[in-house]
Protein backbone atom coordinates (compact mmCIF):
# COMPACT_ATOMS: atom_id res chain seq x y z
CA UNK A 1 94.95 72.57 279.28
CA UNK A 2 92.99 74.51 276.72
CA UNK A 3 93.59 75.22 273.09
CA UNK A 4 94.40 78.77 272.16
CA UNK A 5 91.84 79.06 269.38
CA UNK A 6 88.84 81.19 268.63
CA UNK A 7 85.48 79.84 269.73
CA UNK A 8 83.20 79.63 266.75
CA UNK A 9 79.94 78.25 268.11
CA UNK A 10 77.03 80.18 266.69
CA UNK A 11 78.62 81.11 263.39
CA UNK A 12 80.31 79.50 260.44
CA UNK A 13 83.83 78.22 260.89
CA UNK A 14 86.58 80.49 259.58
CA UNK A 15 89.22 77.76 259.48
CA UNK A 16 89.76 74.62 257.43
CA UNK A 17 90.24 72.61 260.61
CA UNK A 18 88.09 72.59 263.72
CA UNK A 19 88.40 70.65 266.95
CA UNK A 20 85.81 69.12 269.22
CA UNK A 21 87.00 68.46 272.76
CA UNK A 22 85.22 66.72 275.64
CA UNK A 23 82.33 67.05 276.43
CA UNK A 24 81.82 67.70 272.67
CA UNK A 25 79.27 70.50 272.93
CA UNK A 26 81.38 73.26 271.39
CA UNK A 27 84.03 73.53 268.71
CA UNK A 28 86.99 75.79 268.00
CA UNK A 29 88.69 76.81 264.79
CA UNK A 30 92.35 75.87 264.48
CA UNK A 31 94.55 78.64 263.18
CA UNK A 32 98.17 78.57 262.03
CA UNK A 33 99.33 79.61 265.50
CA UNK A 34 97.25 77.09 267.43
CA UNK A 35 99.25 75.06 269.92
CA UNK A 36 98.10 71.54 269.06
CA UNK A 37 100.25 70.07 271.82
CA UNK A 38 97.61 71.48 274.19
CA UNK A 39 94.79 69.55 272.52
CA UNK A 40 92.99 67.60 275.27
CA UNK A 41 93.03 63.82 275.17
CA UNK A 42 89.94 62.61 273.37
CA UNK A 43 89.84 65.57 270.98
CA UNK A 44 88.49 65.19 267.44
CA UNK A 45 90.04 67.21 264.60
CA UNK A 46 87.64 67.76 261.68
CA UNK A 47 88.53 68.91 258.18
CA UNK A 48 86.14 70.01 255.46
CA UNK A 49 86.13 67.80 252.40
CA UNK A 50 86.60 70.33 249.60
CA UNK A 51 88.97 69.50 248.05
CA UNK A 52 89.55 66.08 249.55
CA UNK A 53 93.30 66.07 249.11
CA UNK A 54 93.65 69.37 250.96
CA UNK A 55 91.57 68.16 253.89
CA UNK A 56 93.54 64.93 254.11
CA UNK A 57 96.84 66.81 253.95
CA UNK A 58 95.78 69.08 256.81
CA UNK A 59 94.64 66.13 258.89
CA UNK A 60 97.96 64.37 258.27
CA UNK A 61 99.90 67.38 259.52
CA UNK A 62 97.62 67.66 262.54
CA UNK A 63 98.14 63.97 263.23
CA UNK A 64 101.91 64.49 263.42
CA UNK A 65 101.45 67.33 265.90
CA UNK A 66 98.78 65.67 268.06
CA UNK A 67 98.62 61.95 267.27
CA UNK A 68 96.22 61.37 270.16
CA UNK A 69 93.43 63.23 268.35
CA UNK A 70 90.84 61.44 266.20
CA UNK A 71 91.10 62.58 262.54
CA UNK A 72 87.78 63.21 260.84
CA UNK A 73 86.83 64.48 257.39
CA UNK A 74 83.37 65.87 256.68
CA UNK A 75 82.00 65.53 253.15
CA UNK A 76 79.44 68.11 252.08
CA UNK A 77 78.32 66.45 248.86
CA UNK A 78 79.31 63.96 246.15
CA UNK A 79 83.02 63.34 246.29
CA UNK A 80 85.61 61.22 244.57
CA UNK A 81 86.30 57.88 246.30
CA UNK A 82 88.50 58.23 249.37
CA UNK A 83 90.35 54.94 249.01
CA UNK A 84 92.89 55.98 246.32
CA UNK A 85 93.80 59.09 248.30
CA UNK A 86 94.13 57.15 251.55
CA UNK A 87 96.77 54.99 249.90
CA UNK A 88 98.89 58.14 249.85
CA UNK A 89 98.38 59.00 253.52
CA UNK A 90 99.11 55.86 255.48
CA UNK A 91 99.02 57.78 258.77
CA UNK A 92 95.24 58.10 258.45
CA UNK A 93 94.36 54.82 256.77
CA UNK A 94 93.40 52.90 259.94
CA UNK A 95 92.05 55.88 261.83
CA UNK A 96 90.08 58.25 259.60
CA UNK A 97 86.45 58.97 260.46
CA UNK A 98 84.26 60.01 257.53
CA UNK A 99 81.18 62.15 258.09
CA UNK A 100 79.04 61.86 254.99
CA UNK A 101 77.12 65.09 255.36
CA UNK A 102 78.07 68.56 256.52
CA UNK A 103 75.27 70.24 258.41
CA UNK A 104 75.43 73.64 260.09
CA UNK A 105 78.58 73.36 262.25
CA UNK A 106 77.05 75.66 264.83
CA UNK A 107 74.18 73.28 265.56
CA UNK A 108 73.99 70.59 268.26
CA UNK A 109 73.02 68.15 265.52
CA UNK A 110 76.41 68.61 263.89
CA UNK A 111 78.25 67.79 267.12
CA UNK A 112 76.07 64.74 267.67
CA UNK A 113 76.66 63.56 264.11
CA UNK A 114 80.44 63.77 264.43
CA UNK A 115 80.41 62.04 267.83
CA UNK A 116 78.28 59.20 266.48
CA UNK A 117 80.55 58.80 263.45
CA UNK A 118 83.60 58.47 265.71
CA UNK A 119 81.84 55.87 267.85
CA UNK A 120 80.97 53.82 264.76
CA UNK A 121 84.55 53.72 263.53
CA UNK A 122 85.87 50.14 263.09
CA UNK A 123 87.63 48.73 266.12
CA UNK A 124 91.43 49.05 266.03
CA UNK A 125 93.37 46.04 264.82
CA UNK A 126 96.59 44.84 266.52
CA UNK A 127 98.70 46.14 263.63
CA UNK A 128 97.21 49.63 263.85
CA UNK A 129 97.82 49.84 267.60
CA UNK A 130 101.40 48.61 267.26
CA UNK A 131 102.19 51.02 264.41
CA UNK A 132 100.71 53.96 266.32
CA UNK A 133 102.95 53.25 269.31
CA UNK A 134 106.02 52.67 267.14
CA UNK A 135 105.54 56.03 265.45
CA UNK A 136 104.78 57.83 268.68
CA UNK A 137 107.89 56.64 270.53
CA UNK A 138 110.06 56.67 267.36
CA UNK A 139 110.97 52.99 267.64
CA UNK A 140 109.54 51.11 264.69
CA UNK A 141 111.38 47.95 265.80
CA UNK A 142 108.89 47.74 268.67
CA UNK A 143 106.00 47.13 266.30
CA UNK A 144 106.46 43.37 265.66
CA UNK A 145 106.67 42.36 269.36
CA UNK A 146 103.82 44.70 270.21
CA UNK A 147 101.68 43.29 267.43
CA UNK A 148 102.30 39.75 268.72
CA UNK A 149 101.10 40.75 272.20
CA UNK A 150 98.10 42.59 270.83
CA UNK A 151 97.05 39.64 268.69
CA UNK A 152 97.10 37.48 271.79
CA UNK A 153 95.14 40.06 273.77
CA UNK A 154 92.49 40.84 271.15
CA UNK A 155 92.24 37.68 269.09
CA UNK A 156 93.23 34.95 271.52
CA UNK A 157 96.23 33.99 269.37
CA UNK A 158 99.26 33.00 271.42
CA UNK A 159 102.28 35.12 270.63
CA UNK A 160 104.50 33.23 268.19
CA UNK A 161 108.28 33.37 267.98
CA UNK A 162 110.31 34.35 271.03
CA UNK A 163 109.59 33.02 274.49
CA UNK A 164 107.73 35.10 277.13
CA UNK A 165 111.06 35.74 278.83
CA UNK A 166 112.52 37.13 275.62
CA UNK A 167 109.52 39.40 275.12
CA UNK A 168 109.95 40.72 278.67
CA UNK A 169 113.58 41.51 277.98
CA UNK A 170 112.75 43.24 274.71
CA UNK A 171 110.12 45.47 276.27
CA UNK A 172 112.29 46.20 279.33
CA UNK A 173 114.84 47.77 277.00
CA UNK A 174 112.35 50.50 276.05
CA UNK A 175 110.44 51.18 279.25
CA UNK A 176 108.58 49.88 282.24
CA UNK A 177 105.66 48.05 280.59
CA UNK A 178 105.80 44.27 280.46
CA UNK A 179 104.06 42.06 277.88
CA UNK A 180 101.16 41.70 280.33
CA UNK A 181 100.89 45.49 280.63
CA UNK A 182 100.82 45.93 276.86
CA UNK A 183 98.10 43.30 276.50
CA UNK A 184 96.03 45.05 279.18
CA UNK A 185 96.43 48.40 277.40
CA UNK A 186 95.33 46.85 274.09
CA UNK A 187 92.20 45.42 275.70
CA UNK A 188 91.45 48.79 277.25
CA UNK A 189 91.80 50.46 273.83
CA UNK A 190 89.36 48.00 272.30
CA UNK A 191 86.92 48.46 275.20
CA UNK A 192 86.96 52.24 274.84
CA UNK A 193 86.67 52.13 271.04
CA UNK A 194 83.72 49.79 271.26
CA UNK A 195 81.91 51.86 273.85
CA UNK A 196 82.04 48.96 276.28
CA UNK A 197 80.08 46.68 273.95
CA UNK A 198 81.20 43.23 272.89
CA UNK A 199 82.02 43.35 269.18
CA UNK A 200 85.03 41.09 268.97
CA UNK A 201 86.77 38.02 270.36
CA UNK A 202 86.00 37.03 273.94
CA UNK A 203 89.70 37.45 274.81
CA UNK A 204 89.29 41.23 274.57
CA UNK A 205 86.31 41.54 276.89
CA UNK A 206 86.73 43.40 280.15
CA UNK A 207 84.59 43.56 283.26
CA UNK A 208 83.76 46.97 284.67
CA UNK A 209 85.95 46.18 287.68
CA UNK A 210 88.90 45.48 285.40
CA UNK A 211 88.26 48.65 283.38
CA UNK A 212 88.29 50.66 286.59
CA UNK A 213 91.59 49.10 287.66
CA UNK A 214 93.22 49.58 284.27
CA UNK A 215 92.03 53.19 284.07
CA UNK A 216 93.70 54.02 287.37
CA UNK A 217 96.85 52.04 286.65
CA UNK A 218 97.58 53.02 283.06
CA UNK A 219 95.63 56.21 282.38
CA UNK A 220 95.62 57.89 285.80
CA UNK A 221 91.94 58.72 285.42
CA UNK A 222 88.77 57.67 287.20
CA UNK A 223 86.63 54.96 285.67
CA UNK A 224 83.89 57.48 284.83
CA UNK A 225 86.28 59.47 282.63
CA UNK A 226 86.91 56.56 280.27
CA UNK A 227 83.43 56.68 278.75
CA UNK A 228 83.54 60.48 278.35
CA UNK A 229 86.35 60.60 275.80
CA UNK A 230 86.25 59.50 272.18
CA UNK A 231 88.70 57.32 270.32
CA UNK A 232 91.36 54.79 271.24
CA UNK A 233 94.29 57.07 270.47
CA UNK A 234 93.94 58.96 273.74
CA UNK A 235 94.16 55.69 275.67
CA UNK A 236 97.53 54.88 274.10
CA UNK A 237 98.75 58.43 274.62
CA UNK A 238 97.70 58.46 278.28
CA UNK A 239 99.33 55.06 278.84
CA UNK A 240 102.56 56.22 277.24
CA UNK A 241 102.59 59.36 279.38
CA UNK A 242 101.89 57.35 282.53
CA UNK A 243 104.73 54.97 281.65
CA UNK A 244 107.09 57.91 280.89
CA UNK A 245 107.57 56.81 277.27
CA UNK A 246 106.74 60.32 276.01
């Protein structure tokens, strides 16, 4: 699918929001009539940083309409600290990418700068992954059991509380994925977010063979496609679509 937006490469953006989609060599302005549900998985939505509160508000709205996109704000000069404002927009707190300079948005350097900033974003924590899924499927009660599985998958901490059988029953009430499936999806998110590098606990590490198997099973894409898309949000979205949760 493609976004119905005006291509703006080669001239200044005419919109407050722009989107970079794979393979991240061009960008499009997002207008009021843009169908964000058509945003490709792995897309990055960028807002200008003047004023900060306006850019964050636009990114928050975009996040509701296409939660699988990576939110990014580009700062063109000295700005007020972001942290107090992020306390007001919890949807972006764990996900926001900050680009500290705004170069010519028509230049290849600008695209490269945004891509690099996304790749340097901190790895997702179990809580952030669980909350994202809970919001996406509109079942916040799923967040605690998901977080327990993700902590086991990413930090090596055995899930506390209910027994494995109870967890299986809980997850079966909402869809087809078992606790083992959710742990695999969390590891795949961390692998993609880290660019395949080892930055965290050994429990989260995946071999290339396992990545290939998980990509086919949960994302319905070839192994080569995994490295061509930015962010961990698209991994969760693809997994939810494959599992018929959304």
